[in-house]
Amino acid sequence: MGEVGIEIEGYRLSSTPVIFGDEDVYLPGSVVMEGLSLAPDVVKKKLVPVEALLM
């Protein structure tokens, strides 16, 4: 386990927790999606920006 910076489709997150596994396997989870304010669009099969709600 560790922390890395990540960029997905031009959206950047400076630090997020990761679990290291097989090379060339990238599976972003809910922490990354929430940090980047992205959600999957299952029809278009791409990530779309969403409004972040502060609680």
Protein backbone atom coordinates (compact mmCIF):
# COMPACT_ATOMS: atom_id res chain seq x y z
CA MET A 1 0.00 0.00 0.00
CA GLY A 2 1.15 3.53 -0.70
CA GLU A 3 0.16 6.94 -2.04
CA VAL A 4 0.55 8.31 -5.55
CA GLY A 5 -0.51 11.29 -7.63
CA ILE A 6 -2.92 10.40 -10.43
CA GLU A 7 -4.26 11.95 -13.64
CA ILE A 8 -7.26 10.57 -15.53
CA GLU A 9 -8.48 12.24 -18.72
CA GLY A 10 -6.89 15.55 -17.70
CA TYR A 11 -8.25 15.53 -14.12
CA ARG A 12 -5.51 15.49 -11.46
CA LEU A 13 -5.42 14.33 -7.85
CA SER A 14 -2.23 15.13 -5.94
CA SER A 15 -2.35 12.17 -3.56
CA THR A 16 -4.52 9.07 -3.25
CA PRO A 17 -4.09 5.74 -1.47
CA VAL A 18 -3.26 2.75 -3.69
CA ILE A 19 -2.69 -0.97 -3.37
CA PHE A 20 0.06 -2.21 -5.66
CA GLY A 21 -0.64 -5.31 -7.74
CA ASP A 22 0.00 -6.61 -11.24
CA GLU A 23 1.78 -4.33 -13.70
CA ASP A 24 -0.39 -2.59 -16.31
CA VAL A 25 -3.59 -3.13 -14.27
CA TYR A 26 -5.28 0.12 -13.24
CA LEU A 27 -8.59 -0.01 -11.41
CA PRO A 28 -9.69 3.36 -9.98
CA GLY A 29 -11.98 3.00 -6.98
CA SER A 30 -14.49 5.21 -5.23
CA VAL A 31 -11.83 7.26 -3.38
CA VAL A 32 -10.20 8.26 -6.68
CA MET A 33 -13.53 8.97 -8.40
CA GLU A 34 -14.70 11.10 -5.48
CA GLY A 35 -11.39 12.96 -5.28
CA LEU A 36 -11.49 13.77 -8.98
CA SER A 37 -15.25 14.56 -8.91
CA LEU A 38 -15.88 12.05 -11.71
CA ALA A 39 -18.58 9.42 -12.21
CA PRO A 40 -19.02 6.72 -14.86
CA ASP A 41 -21.49 7.30 -17.69
CA VAL A 42 -22.53 3.72 -18.42
CA VAL A 43 -24.24 4.59 -21.72
CA LYS A 44 -21.31 6.49 -23.27
CA LYS A 45 -18.74 4.32 -21.39
CA LYS A 46 -16.66 7.27 -20.21
CA LEU A 47 -16.05 9.32 -17.09
CA VAL A 48 -18.00 12.55 -16.66
CA PRO A 49 -17.49 15.42 -14.20
CA VAL A 50 -20.02 15.73 -11.36
CA GLU A 51 -20.72 18.43 -8.81
CA ALA A 52 -19.00 17.73 -5.51
CA LEU A 53 -21.19 18.16 -2.46
CA LEU A 54 -19.53 19.27 0.76
CA MET A 55 -21.11 17.78 3.85
